[in-house]
Amino acid sequence: MSHLRLRSTTLTLTLGLSLASAIPSFALSDSAAVQSESRPASQDQSAQPPAQPSLGDVARQVRAEKQKQGQPVRVFTNDNLPKAGNLSVVGPPPSEDDKQEQAAGAGAQHEKHGASYFRARMADLQQQLTIHQGELGVLQQRLGQGQLQYYPNPNETLHQEYSRADIDKLTQAIDQKKQQIDSDQQAISDLQDELRRQGGDPRWLQGAEGGESTLPAKPDLSGVKKNSEQYWRLRFSAARKALDQARVQQTLAEDQLALLQSQQARDVASPNAGALADQVATKQAEVESRRAATAQAQQDLGTLEQEFKQSGAPDEWSQPQEPSTENPGPQ
């Protein structure tokens, strides 16, 4: 009986020791599992090899790169420039004023003039050239007199009519007058070229080149409605221009006469005194003619003003559109 108790006790102790040894092993196993589950996912992923991109991802990346680069800039040359249709211009569309201005400029380039235009234009240019040449002659004669009468000696200052400043001023005026003559000659040459380009008759310019000429006193009113604004403006413009030209020609003739009379006074005992007297007489007759022409032009303008007042037209139609610049002649 005692033997059985001993075996029972031994079995109990053995079973207890087995369970005691098994419990720590089970707890260690559970702790390792928990630590394994709490390990960061990044460590597991870093340990794995990188995944290769798919073909779809590569295609999408290529398309995105092309969109970033944009479309290539097209360069237009004479070879690939469109020949038909309208070209697209960057910027706001032209305004109505710009369109009218461009149309007027294009019309002026292709406009052809007739005989009346070329005759009147050449007469105007030729007369202007003649006046400027006459004024240059007066200035040169005055300069010559001034150089003869100028004395550098200060003691002679009270006895001389010209100073160094007067001579310098005349010299500058002569240079300016020469430039005006060059411009007149260039304008005549340009008009001749225009006539040739338009295929006009060269005889349209021959009459004006024959000698001194004047513009017609009356403007060309063909196709212009009577008593309209254009009608009155054309008439007043022509009348004022005729008066300005008459005054310029009168001033030039008077200056030339004064020079001849001064030369005649210096050369009283000269063998050329008789010839100078004839020149003075001829120039005096010209001066009287120029003065009469100026008076007539002034009267014509006054008559036109009276006619305009009686018509009842607006006063602004009689006013010049641009300030009238008269040629003051040689000073």
C-alpha atoms as a PDB file:
ATOM      1  CA  MET A   1       0.000   0.000   0.000  1.00  0.00           C
ATOM      2  CA  SER A   2       2.764   2.322   0.813  1.00  0.00           C
ATOM      3  CA  HIS A   3       4.402   1.312  -2.409  1.00  0.00           C
ATOM      4  CA  LEU A   4       1.377   2.485  -4.405  1.00  0.00           C
ATOM      5  CA  ARG A   5       1.331   5.843  -2.625  1.00  0.00           C
ATOM      6  CA  LEU A   6       4.960   6.342  -3.420  1.00  0.00           C
ATOM      7  CA  ARG A   7       4.369   5.709  -7.124  1.00  0.00           C
ATOM      8  CA  SER A   8       1.385   8.047  -7.166  1.00  0.00           C
ATOM      9  CA  THR A   9       3.406  10.759  -5.543  1.00  0.00           C
ATOM     10  CA  THR A  10       6.235  10.270  -7.980  1.00  0.00           C
ATOM     11  CA  LEU A  11       3.872  10.444 -10.961  1.00  0.00           C
ATOM     12  CA  THR A  12       2.363  13.639  -9.650  1.00  0.00           C
ATOM     13  CA  LEU A  13       5.735  15.246  -9.221  1.00  0.00           C
ATOM     14  CA  THR A  14       6.842  14.171 -12.671  1.00  0.00           C
ATOM     15  CA  LEU A  15       3.680  15.556 -14.316  1.00  0.00           C
ATOM     16  CA  GLY A  16       4.047  18.806 -12.409  1.00  0.00           C
ATOM     17  CA  LEU A  17       7.630  19.235 -13.502  1.00  0.00           C
ATOM     18  CA  SER A  18       6.691  18.590 -17.141  1.00  0.00           C
ATOM     19  CA  LEU A  19       3.964  21.212 -17.103  1.00  0.00           C
ATOM     20  CA  ALA A  20       6.236  23.705 -15.378  1.00  0.00           C
ATOM     21  CA  SER A  21       8.893  23.230 -17.994  1.00  0.00           C
ATOM     22  CA  ALA A  22       6.376  23.473 -20.838  1.00  0.00           C
ATOM     23  CA  ILE A  23       4.833  26.820 -19.744  1.00  0.00           C
ATOM     24  CA  PRO A  24       8.018  28.971 -20.128  1.00  0.00           C
ATOM     25  CA  SER A  25       8.644  27.465 -23.574  1.00  0.00           C
ATOM     26  CA  PHE A  26       5.118  28.333 -24.692  1.00  0.00           C
ATOM     27  CA  ALA A  27       5.448  31.889 -23.365  1.00  0.00           C
ATOM     28  CA  LEU A  28       8.774  32.349 -25.200  1.00  0.00           C
ATOM     29  CA  SER A  29       7.183  31.168 -28.405  1.00  0.00           C
ATOM     30  CA  ASP A  30       4.313  33.654 -28.067  1.00  0.00           C
ATOM     31  CA  SER A  31       6.686  36.554 -27.335  1.00  0.00           C
ATOM     32  CA  ALA A  32       8.712  35.820 -30.486  1.00  0.00           C
ATOM     33  CA  ALA A  33       5.560  35.770 -32.553  1.00  0.00           C
ATOM     34  CA  VAL A  34       4.451  39.151 -31.215  1.00  0.00           C
ATOM     35  CA  GLN A  35       7.860  40.697 -31.926  1.00  0.00           C
ATOM     36  CA  SER A  36       7.752  39.310 -35.441  1.00  0.00           C
ATOM     37  CA  GLU A  37       4.321  40.836 -36.093  1.00  0.00           C
ATOM     38  CA  SER A  38       5.325  44.259 -34.679  1.00  0.00           C
ATOM     39  CA  ARG A  39       8.394  44.570 -37.022  1.00  0.00           C
ATOM     40  CA  PRO A  40       7.995  47.564 -39.478  1.00  0.00           C
ATOM     41  CA  ALA A  41       6.766  46.767 -42.932  1.00  0.00           C
ATOM     42  CA  SER A  42       9.468  48.936 -44.447  1.00  0.00           C
ATOM     43  CA  GLN A  43      12.135  46.542 -43.230  1.00  0.00           C
ATOM     44  CA  ASP A  44      10.342  43.687 -44.942  1.00  0.00           C
ATOM     45  CA  GLN A  45       9.915  45.667 -48.172  1.00  0.00           C
ATOM     46  CA  SER A  46      13.522  46.838 -48.222  1.00  0.00           C
ATOM     47  CA  ALA A  47      14.536  43.353 -48.018  1.00  0.00           C
ATOM     48  CA  GLN A  48      12.508  42.516 -51.140  1.00  0.00           C
ATOM     49  CA  PRO A  49      13.936  43.353 -54.666  1.00  0.00           C
ATOM     50  CA  PRO A  50      12.395  46.469 -56.479  1.00  0.00           C
ATOM     51  CA  ALA A  51       9.465  45.754 -58.782  1.00  0.00           C
ATOM     52  CA  GLN A  52      10.017  46.407 -62.546  1.00  0.00           C
ATOM     53  CA  PRO A  53       7.655  49.076 -64.181  1.00  0.00           C
ATOM     54  CA  SER A  54       5.075  47.781 -66.577  1.00  0.00           C
ATOM     55  CA  LEU A  55       4.914  48.711 -70.283  1.00  0.00           C
ATOM     56  CA  GLY A  56       1.825  50.854 -69.644  1.00  0.00           C
ATOM     57  CA  ASP A  57       3.710  52.920 -67.047  1.00  0.00           C
ATOM     58  CA  VAL A  58       6.582  53.483 -69.474  1.00  0.00           C
ATOM     59  CA  ALA A  59       4.222  54.604 -72.273  1.00  0.00           C
ATOM     60  CA  ARG A  60       2.461  57.054 -69.984  1.00  0.00           C
ATOM     61  CA  GLN A  61       5.803  58.511 -68.874  1.00  0.00           C
ATOM     62  CA  VAL A  62       6.935  59.031 -72.497  1.00  0.00           C
ATOM     63  CA  ARG A  63       3.703  60.831 -73.393  1.00  0.00           C
ATOM     64  CA  ALA A  64       4.065  63.117 -70.379  1.00  0.00           C
ATOM     65  CA  GLU A  65       7.630  64.052 -71.398  1.00  0.00           C
ATOM     66  CA  LYS A  66       6.469  64.964 -74.934  1.00  0.00           C
ATOM     67  CA  GLN A  67       3.725  67.182 -73.565  1.00  0.00           C
ATOM     68  CA  LYS A  68       6.248  69.030 -71.408  1.00  0.00           C
ATOM     69  CA  GLN A  69       8.483  69.725 -74.421  1.00  0.00           C
ATOM     70  CA  GLY A  70       5.600  71.275 -76.425  1.00  0.00           C
ATOM     71  CA  GLN A  71       5.150  71.560 -80.177  1.00  0.00           C
ATOM     72  CA  PRO A  72       8.161  72.628 -82.324  1.00  0.00           C
ATOM     73  CA  VAL A  73       8.148  76.260 -83.567  1.00  0.00           C
ATOM     74  CA  ARG A  74       7.479  76.549 -87.288  1.00  0.00           C
ATOM     75  CA  VAL A  75       9.643  79.006 -89.221  1.00  0.00           C
ATOM     76  CA  PHE A  76       8.109  80.630 -92.328  1.00  0.00           C
ATOM     77  CA  THR A  77      10.298  81.415 -95.321  1.00  0.00           C
ATOM     78  CA  ASN A  78       9.612  82.476 -98.895  1.00  0.00           C
ATOM     79  CA  ASP A  79       9.441  78.808 -99.855  1.00  0.00           C
ATOM     80  CA  ASN A  80       6.738  77.707 -97.394  1.00  0.00           C
ATOM     81  CA  LEU A  81       4.837  81.005 -97.024  1.00  0.00           C
ATOM     82  CA  PRO A  82       1.150  80.514 -97.925  1.00  0.00           C
ATOM     83  CA  LYS A  83       0.291  81.977-101.312  1.00  0.00           C
ATOM     84  CA  ALA A  84      -3.485  82.022-100.841  1.00  0.00           C
ATOM     85  CA  GLY A  85      -5.766  83.016 -98.007  1.00  0.00           C
ATOM     86  CA  ASN A  86      -5.091  85.421 -95.181  1.00  0.00           C
ATOM     87  CA  LEU A  87      -2.212  85.098 -92.772  1.00  0.00           C
ATOM     88  CA  SER A  88      -3.002  85.055 -89.080  1.00  0.00           C
ATOM     89  CA  VAL A  89      -1.476  88.043 -87.331  1.00  0.00           C
ATOM     90  CA  VAL A  90      -0.932  88.097 -83.601  1.00  0.00           C
ATOM     91  CA  GLY A  91      -2.523  91.098 -81.945  1.00  0.00           C
ATOM     92  CA  PRO A  92      -5.796  93.003 -81.977  1.00  0.00           C
ATOM     93  CA  PRO A  93      -7.613  93.398 -85.299  1.00  0.00           C
ATOM     94  CA  PRO A  94      -7.072  96.726 -87.133  1.00  0.00           C
ATOM     95  CA  SER A  95      -9.499  99.505 -86.325  1.00  0.00           C
ATOM     96  CA  GLU A  96     -11.706 101.216 -88.882  1.00  0.00           C
ATOM     97  CA  ASP A  97      -9.376 104.243 -88.958  1.00  0.00           C
ATOM     98  CA  ASP A  98      -6.411 101.982 -89.702  1.00  0.00           C
ATOM     99  CA  LYS A  99      -8.326 100.266 -92.512  1.00  0.00           C
ATOM    100  CA  GLN A 100      -9.290 103.592 -94.088  1.00  0.00           C
ATOM    101  CA  GLU A 101      -5.727 104.867 -93.789  1.00  0.00           C
ATOM    102  CA  GLN A 102      -4.333 101.739 -95.432  1.00  0.00           C
ATOM    103  CA  ALA A 103      -6.909 101.951 -98.215  1.00  0.00           C
ATOM    104  CA  ALA A 104      -6.073 105.601 -98.819  1.00  0.00           C
ATOM    105  CA  GLY A 105      -2.365 104.834 -98.951  1.00  0.00           C
ATOM    106  CA  ALA A 106      -2.887 101.978-101.393  1.00  0.00           C
ATOM    107  CA  GLY A 107      -5.089 104.167-103.556  1.00  0.00           C
ATOM    108  CA  ALA A 108      -2.488 106.915-103.609  1.00  0.00           C
ATOM    109  CA  GLN A 109       0.181 104.463-104.769  1.00  0.00           C
ATOM    110  CA  HIS A 110      -1.915 103.236-107.698  1.00  0.00           C
ATOM    111  CA  GLU A 111      -3.537 106.556-108.556  1.00  0.00           C
ATOM    112  CA  LYS A 112      -2.687 107.893-111.985  1.00  0.00           C
ATOM    113  CA  HIS A 113      -2.659 111.594-112.732  1.00  0.00           C
ATOM    114  CA  GLY A 114      -3.520 113.339-115.933  1.00  0.00           C
ATOM    115  CA  ALA A 115      -2.010 116.164-117.936  1.00  0.00           C
ATOM    116  CA  SER A 116      -3.540 118.922-115.796  1.00  0.00           C
ATOM    117  CA  TYR A 117      -1.900 117.564-112.647  1.00  0.00           C
ATOM    118  CA  PHE A 118       1.581 117.306-114.156  1.00  0.00           C
ATOM    119  CA  ARG A 119       1.373 120.723-115.830  1.00  0.00           C
ATOM    120  CA  ALA A 120       0.219 122.440-112.640  1.00  0.00           C
ATOM    121  CA  ARG A 121       2.712 120.584-110.465  1.00  0.00           C
ATOM    122  CA  MET A 122       5.645 121.342-112.750  1.00  0.00           C
ATOM    123  CA  ALA A 123       4.607 124.989-112.990  1.00  0.00           C
ATOM    124  CA  ASP A 124       4.540 125.216-109.214  1.00  0.00           C
ATOM    125  CA  LEU A 125       7.961 123.602-108.795  1.00  0.00           C
ATOM    126  CA  GLN A 126       9.545 125.597-111.601  1.00  0.00           C
ATOM    127  CA  GLN A 127       8.270 128.866-110.211  1.00  0.00           C
ATOM    128  CA  GLN A 128       9.492 127.968-106.748  1.00  0.00           C
ATOM    129  CA  LEU A 129      12.929 127.134-108.161  1.00  0.00           C
ATOM    130  CA  THR A 130      13.060 130.434-110.047  1.00  0.00           C
ATOM    131  CA  ILE A 131      12.181 132.409-106.919  1.00  0.00           C
ATOM    132  CA  HIS A 132      14.767 130.616-104.797  1.00  0.00           C
ATOM    133  CA  GLN A 133      17.443 131.147-107.429  1.00  0.00           C
ATOM    134  CA  GLY A 134      16.609 134.856-107.536  1.00  0.00           C
ATOM    135  CA  GLU A 135      16.748 135.096-103.767  1.00  0.00           C
ATOM    136  CA  LEU A 136      20.115 133.346-103.784  1.00  0.00           C
ATOM    137  CA  GLY A 137      21.420 135.929-106.229  1.00  0.00           C
ATOM    138  CA  VAL A 138      20.257 138.759-103.984  1.00  0.00           C
ATOM    139  CA  LEU A 139      21.889 137.224-100.929  1.00  0.00           C
ATOM    140  CA  GLN A 140      25.152 136.669-102.759  1.00  0.00           C
ATOM    141  CA  GLN A 141      25.219 140.256-103.965  1.00  0.00           C
ATOM    142  CA  ARG A 142      24.546 141.511-100.459  1.00  0.00           C
ATOM    143  CA  LEU A 143      27.339 139.350 -99.148  1.00  0.00           C
ATOM    144  CA  GLY A 144      29.692 140.752-101.741  1.00  0.00           C
ATOM    145  CA  GLN A 145      28.818 144.301-100.762  1.00  0.00           C
ATOM    146  CA  GLY A 146      29.190 143.494 -97.088  1.00  0.00           C
ATOM    147  CA  GLN A 147      32.646 142.039 -97.548  1.00  0.00           C
ATOM    148  CA  LEU A 148      33.755 145.143 -99.443  1.00  0.00           C
ATOM    149  CA  GLN A 149      32.398 147.496 -96.791  1.00  0.00           C
ATOM    150  CA  TYR A 150      33.591 145.548 -93.756  1.00  0.00           C
ATOM    151  CA  TYR A 151      36.710 146.789 -92.012  1.00  0.00           C
ATOM    152  CA  PRO A 152      38.300 144.731 -89.229  1.00  0.00           C
ATOM    153  CA  ASN A 153      39.706 147.963 -87.762  1.00  0.00           C
ATOM    154  CA  PRO A 154      37.500 149.024 -84.791  1.00  0.00           C
ATOM    155  CA  ASN A 155      38.129 152.673 -85.636  1.00  0.00           C
ATOM    156  CA  GLU A 156      36.211 152.235 -88.888  1.00  0.00           C
ATOM    157  CA  THR A 157      33.170 150.631 -87.242  1.00  0.00           C
ATOM    158  CA  LEU A 158      31.059 153.790 -87.379  1.00  0.00           C
ATOM    159  CA  HIS A 159      31.721 154.200 -91.112  1.00  0.00           C
ATOM    160  CA  GLN A 160      30.671 150.734 -92.214  1.00  0.00           C
ATOM    161  CA  GLU A 161      27.197 149.340 -92.816  1.00  0.00           C
ATOM    162  CA  TYR A 162      28.042 145.643 -92.241  1.00  0.00           C
ATOM    163  CA  SER A 163      29.553 143.922 -89.233  1.00  0.00           C
ATOM    164  CA  ARG A 164      31.102 140.493 -88.915  1.00  0.00           C
ATOM    165  CA  ALA A 165      27.806 139.179 -87.506  1.00  0.00           C
ATOM    166  CA  ASP A 166      25.925 140.460 -90.573  1.00  0.00           C
ATOM    167  CA  ILE A 167      28.335 138.702 -92.895  1.00  0.00           C
ATOM    168  CA  ASP A 168      28.035 135.437 -90.954  1.00  0.00           C
ATOM    169  CA  LYS A 169      24.262 135.722 -91.077  1.00  0.00           C
ATOM    170  CA  LEU A 170      24.290 136.253 -94.836  1.00  0.00           C
ATOM    171  CA  THR A 171      26.625 133.296 -95.294  1.00  0.00           C
ATOM    172  CA  GLN A 172      24.284 131.043 -93.337  1.00  0.00           C
ATOM    173  CA  ALA A 173      21.283 132.303 -95.328  1.00  0.00           C
ATOM    174  CA  ILE A 174      23.094 131.520 -98.579  1.00  0.00           C
ATOM    175  CA  ASP A 175      23.769 127.956 -97.467  1.00  0.00           C
ATOM    176  CA  GLN A 176      20.121 127.472 -96.554  1.00  0.00           C
ATOM    177  CA  LYS A 177      18.979 128.889 -99.873  1.00  0.00           C
ATOM    178  CA  LYS A 178      21.253 126.504-101.737  1.00  0.00           C
ATOM    179  CA  GLN A 179      19.674 123.607 -99.871  1.00  0.00           C
ATOM    180  CA  GLN A 180      16.242 124.846-100.927  1.00  0.00           C
ATOM    181  CA  ILE A 181      17.355 124.945-104.542  1.00  0.00           C
ATOM    182  CA  ASP A 182      18.671 121.390-104.302  1.00  0.00           C
ATOM    183  CA  SER A 183      15.319 120.286-102.882  1.00  0.00           C
ATOM    184  CA  ASP A 184      13.460 122.046-105.716  1.00  0.00           C
ATOM    185  CA  GLN A 185      15.579 120.342-108.351  1.00  0.00           C
ATOM    186  CA  GLN A 186      15.102 116.954-106.673  1.00  0.00           C
ATOM    187  CA  ALA A 187      11.327 117.481-106.598  1.00  0.00           C
ATOM    188  CA  ILE A 188      11.341 118.260-110.329  1.00  0.00           C
ATOM    189  CA  SER A 189      13.365 115.119-111.009  1.00  0.00           C
ATOM    190  CA  ASP A 190      10.934 113.052-108.916  1.00  0.00           C
ATOM    191  CA  LEU A 191       7.990 114.433-110.872  1.00  0.00           C
ATOM    192  CA  GLN A 192       9.668 113.497-114.146  1.00  0.00           C
ATOM    193  CA  ASP A 193      10.235 109.959-112.844  1.00  0.00           C
ATOM    194  CA  GLU A 194       6.583 109.733-111.794  1.00  0.00           C
ATOM    195  CA  LEU A 195       5.494 110.762-115.276  1.00  0.00           C
ATOM    196  CA  ARG A 196       7.666 108.057-116.838  1.00  0.00           C
ATOM    197  CA  ARG A 197       6.374 105.379-114.456  1.00  0.00           C
ATOM    198  CA  GLN A 198       2.785 106.228-115.306  1.00  0.00           C
ATOM    199  CA  GLY A 199       3.499 106.297-119.029  1.00  0.00           C
ATOM    200  CA  GLY A 200       2.478 109.949-119.423  1.00  0.00           C
ATOM    201  CA  ASP A 201       3.247 112.222-122.332  1.00  0.00           C
ATOM    202  CA  PRO A 202       6.570 114.092-121.831  1.00  0.00           C
ATOM    203  CA  ARG A 203       4.993 117.148-123.483  1.00  0.00           C
ATOM    204  CA  TRP A 204       2.914 117.615-120.321  1.00  0.00           C
ATOM    205  CA  LEU A 205       6.043 119.037-118.674  1.00  0.00           C
ATOM    206  CA  GLN A 206       7.591 120.928-121.575  1.00  0.00           C
ATOM    207  CA  GLY A 207       5.355 123.978-121.363  1.00  0.00           C
ATOM    208  CA  ALA A 208       6.224 124.587-117.720  1.00  0.00           C
ATOM    209  CA  GLU A 209       9.967 124.240-118.317  1.00  0.00           C
ATOM    210  CA  GLY A 210      10.045 126.877-121.027  1.00  0.00           C
ATOM    211  CA  GLY A 211      10.500 129.744-118.609  1.00  0.00           C
ATOM    212  CA  GLU A 212       8.872 131.537-115.716  1.00  0.00           C
ATOM    213  CA  SER A 213       5.288 130.469-115.217  1.00  0.00           C
ATOM    214  CA  THR A 214       2.504 131.019-112.761  1.00  0.00           C
ATOM    215  CA  LEU A 215      -0.163 128.772-111.390  1.00  0.00           C
ATOM    216  CA  PRO A 216      -3.700 129.270-112.654  1.00  0.00           C
ATOM    217  CA  ALA A 217      -5.609 131.720-110.492  1.00  0.00           C
ATOM    218  CA  LYS A 218      -8.698 129.509-110.533  1.00  0.00           C
ATOM    219  CA  PRO A 219      -8.670 125.972-109.136  1.00  0.00           C
ATOM    220  CA  ASP A 220      -9.974 122.931-110.969  1.00  0.00           C
ATOM    221  CA  LEU A 221     -13.572 122.594-109.774  1.00  0.00           C
ATOM    222  CA  SER A 222     -14.664 119.897-112.186  1.00  0.00           C
ATOM    223  CA  GLY A 223     -16.877 117.404-110.398  1.00  0.00           C
ATOM    224  CA  VAL A 224     -17.148 119.598-107.288  1.00  0.00           C
ATOM    225  CA  LYS A 225     -20.599 120.611-106.123  1.00  0.00           C
ATOM    226  CA  LYS A 226     -21.096 124.359-106.129  1.00  0.00           C
ATOM    227  CA  ASN A 227     -21.312 126.058-102.717  1.00  0.00           C
ATOM    228  CA  SER A 228     -20.157 122.881-100.977  1.00  0.00           C
ATOM    229  CA  GLU A 229     -17.403 122.887 -98.374  1.00  0.00           C
ATOM    230  CA  GLN A 230     -14.871 121.531-100.843  1.00  0.00           C
ATOM    231  CA  TYR A 231     -15.914 124.156-103.387  1.00  0.00           C
ATOM    232  CA  TRP A 232     -15.191 127.068-101.058  1.00  0.00           C
ATOM    233  CA  ARG A 233     -12.049 125.608 -99.565  1.00  0.00           C
ATOM    234  CA  LEU A 234     -10.512 125.049-103.008  1.00  0.00           C
ATOM    235  CA  ARG A 235     -11.293 128.592-104.089  1.00  0.00           C
ATOM    236  CA  PHE A 236      -9.930 130.200-100.932  1.00  0.00           C
ATOM    237  CA  SER A 237      -6.790 128.024-101.037  1.00  0.00           C
ATOM    238  CA  ALA A 238      -6.068 129.085-104.620  1.00  0.00           C
ATOM    239  CA  ALA A 239      -6.726 132.769-103.893  1.00  0.00           C
ATOM    240  CA  ARG A 240      -4.449 132.824-100.847  1.00  0.00           C
ATOM    241  CA  LYS A 241      -1.716 130.963-102.704  1.00  0.00           C
ATOM    242  CA  ALA A 242      -1.859 133.438-105.575  1.00  0.00           C
ATOM    243  CA  LEU A 243      -1.537 136.336-103.123  1.00  0.00           C
ATOM    244  CA  ASP A 244       1.415 134.732-101.336  1.00  0.00           C
ATOM    245  CA  GLN A 245       3.242 134.136-104.600  1.00  0.00           C
ATOM    246  CA  ALA A 246       2.583 137.683-105.790  1.00  0.00           C
ATOM    247  CA  ARG A 247       4.051 139.093-102.589  1.00  0.00           C
ATOM    248  CA  VAL A 248       7.142 136.890-102.824  1.00  0.00           C
ATOM    249  CA  GLN A 249       7.769 137.914-106.430  1.00  0.00           C
ATOM    250  CA  GLN A 250       7.274 141.579-105.551  1.00  0.00           C
ATOM    251  CA  THR A 251       9.737 141.369-102.654  1.00  0.00           C
ATOM    252  CA  LEU A 252      12.320 139.665-104.844  1.00  0.00           C
ATOM    253  CA  ALA A 253      12.000 142.290-107.586  1.00  0.00           C
ATOM    254  CA  GLU A 254      12.303 145.112-105.065  1.00  0.00           C
ATOM    255  CA  ASP A 255      15.447 143.583-103.550  1.00  0.00           C
ATOM    256  CA  GLN A 256      17.005 143.184-106.979  1.00  0.00           C
ATOM    257  CA  LEU A 257      16.173 146.792-107.828  1.00  0.00           C
ATOM    258  CA  ALA A 258      17.750 148.019-104.589  1.00  0.00           C
ATOM    259  CA  LEU A 259      20.975 146.175-105.393  1.00  0.00           C
ATOM    260  CA  LEU A 260      21.098 147.587-108.900  1.00  0.00           C
ATOM    261  CA  GLN A 261      20.543 151.101-107.611  1.00  0.00           C
ATOM    262  CA  SER A 262      23.299 150.640-105.014  1.00  0.00           C
ATOM    263  CA  GLN A 263      25.684 149.422-107.682  1.00  0.00           C
ATOM    264  CA  GLN A 264      24.679 152.307-109.951  1.00  0.00           C
ATOM    265  CA  ALA A 265      25.498 154.790-107.197  1.00  0.00           C
ATOM    266  CA  ARG A 266      28.965 153.320-106.728  1.00  0.00           C
ATOM    267  CA  ASP A 267      29.754 153.102-110.451  1.00  0.00           C
ATOM    268  CA  VAL A 268      28.626 156.555-111.565  1.00  0.00           C
ATOM    269  CA  ALA A 269      31.860 157.217-113.416  1.00  0.00           C
ATOM    270  CA  SER A 270      32.231 153.633-114.606  1.00  0.00           C
ATOM    271  CA  PRO A 271      32.069 152.763-118.307  1.00  0.00           C
ATOM    272  CA  ASN A 272      29.217 150.411-117.421  1.00  0.00           C
ATOM    273  CA  ALA A 273      27.093 153.236-116.034  1.00  0.00           C
ATOM    274  CA  GLY A 274      24.877 153.294-119.149  1.00  0.00           C
ATOM    275  CA  ALA A 275      24.209 149.558-119.043  1.00  0.00           C
ATOM    276  CA  LEU A 276      23.423 149.772-115.337  1.00  0.00           C
ATOM    277  CA  ALA A 277      20.942 152.543-115.981  1.00  0.00           C
ATOM    278  CA  ASP A 278      19.101 150.355-118.488  1.00  0.00           C
ATOM    279  CA  GLN A 279      19.000 147.481-116.028  1.00  0.00           C
ATOM    280  CA  VAL A 280      17.636 149.759-113.338  1.00  0.00           C
ATOM    281  CA  ALA A 281      14.898 151.022-115.623  1.00  0.00           C
ATOM    282  CA  THR A 282      13.934 147.480-116.635  1.00  0.00           C
ATOM    283  CA  LYS A 283      13.841 146.340-113.039  1.00  0.00           C
ATOM    284  CA  GLN A 284      11.747 149.336-112.017  1.00  0.00           C
ATOM    285  CA  ALA A 285       9.153 148.371-114.616  1.00  0.00           C
ATOM    286  CA  GLU A 286       9.158 144.829-113.267  1.00  0.00           C
ATOM    287  CA  VAL A 287       8.680 146.090-109.723  1.00  0.00           C
ATOM    288  CA  GLU A 288       5.660 148.125-110.784  1.00  0.00           C
ATOM    289  CA  SER A 289       4.238 145.058-112.527  1.00  0.00           C
ATOM    290  CA  ARG A 290       4.778 142.913-109.433  1.00  0.00           C
ATOM    291  CA  ARG A 291       3.116 145.472-107.218  1.00  0.00           C
ATOM    292  CA  ALA A 292       0.122 145.597-109.522  1.00  0.00           C
ATOM    293  CA  ALA A 293      -0.114 141.791-109.460  1.00  0.00           C
ATOM    294  CA  THR A 294      -0.060 141.816-105.671  1.00  0.00           C
ATOM    295  CA  ALA A 295      -2.804 144.440-105.551  1.00  0.00           C
ATOM    296  CA  GLN A 296      -4.901 142.389-107.996  1.00  0.00           C
ATOM    297  CA  ALA A 297      -4.465 139.219-105.956  1.00  0.00           C
ATOM    298  CA  GLN A 298      -5.475 141.091-102.816  1.00  0.00           C
ATOM    299  CA  GLN A 299      -8.557 142.433-104.573  1.00  0.00           C
ATOM    300  CA  ASP A 300      -9.503 138.962-105.861  1.00  0.00           C
ATOM    301  CA  LEU A 301      -9.338 137.572-102.344  1.00  0.00           C
ATOM    302  CA  GLY A 302     -11.547 140.402-101.041  1.00  0.00           C
ATOM    303  CA  THR A 303     -14.093 139.759-103.794  1.00  0.00           C
ATOM    304  CA  LEU A 304     -14.154 136.075-102.930  1.00  0.00           C
ATOM    305  CA  GLU A 305     -14.750 136.874 -99.259  1.00  0.00           C
ATOM    306  CA  GLN A 306     -17.736 139.059-100.151  1.00  0.00           C
ATOM    307  CA  GLU A 307     -19.157 136.321-102.359  1.00  0.00           C
ATOM    308  CA  PHE A 308     -18.708 133.815 -99.574  1.00  0.00           C
ATOM    309  CA  LYS A 309     -20.564 135.989 -97.049  1.00  0.00           C
ATOM    310  CA  GLN A 310     -23.488 136.386 -99.414  1.00  0.00           C
ATOM    311  CA  SER A 311     -23.714 132.622 -99.871  1.00  0.00           C
ATOM    312  CA  GLY A 312     -24.525 132.060 -96.183  1.00  0.00           C
ATOM    313  CA  ALA A 313     -22.022 129.199 -95.897  1.00  0.00           C
ATOM    314  CA  PRO A 314     -20.435 128.425 -92.496  1.00  0.00           C
ATOM    315  CA  ASP A 315     -17.526 130.700 -91.631  1.00  0.00           C
ATOM    316  CA  GLU A 316     -15.132 127.787 -91.010  1.00  0.00           C
ATOM    317  CA  TRP A 317     -15.308 126.853 -94.687  1.00  0.00           C
ATOM    318  CA  SER A 318     -13.382 130.006 -95.529  1.00  0.00           C
ATOM    319  CA  GLN A 319     -10.615 129.408 -92.996  1.00  0.00           C
ATOM    320  CA  PRO A 320      -7.379 127.696 -94.033  1.00  0.00           C
ATOM    321  CA  GLN A 321      -7.067 124.135 -92.780  1.00  0.00           C
ATOM    322  CA  GLU A 322      -3.361 124.604 -92.134  1.00  0.00           C
ATOM    323  CA  PRO A 323      -1.469 127.746 -91.136  1.00  0.00           C
ATOM    324  CA  SER A 324      -0.366 129.644 -94.209  1.00  0.00           C
ATOM    325  CA  THR A 325       3.438 129.945 -94.346  1.00  0.00           C
ATOM    326  CA  GLU A 326       4.545 132.791 -96.538  1.00  0.00           C
ATOM    327  CA  ASN A 327       8.019 132.878 -97.998  1.00  0.00           C
ATOM    328  CA  PRO A 328       9.582 135.929 -96.392  1.00  0.00           C
ATOM    329  CA  GLY A 329      12.229 136.187 -99.087  1.00  0.00           C
ATOM    330  CA  PRO A 330      15.845 137.084 -98.425  1.00  0.00           C
ATOM    331  CA  GLN A 331      16.451 139.017 -95.262  1.00  0.00           C
END
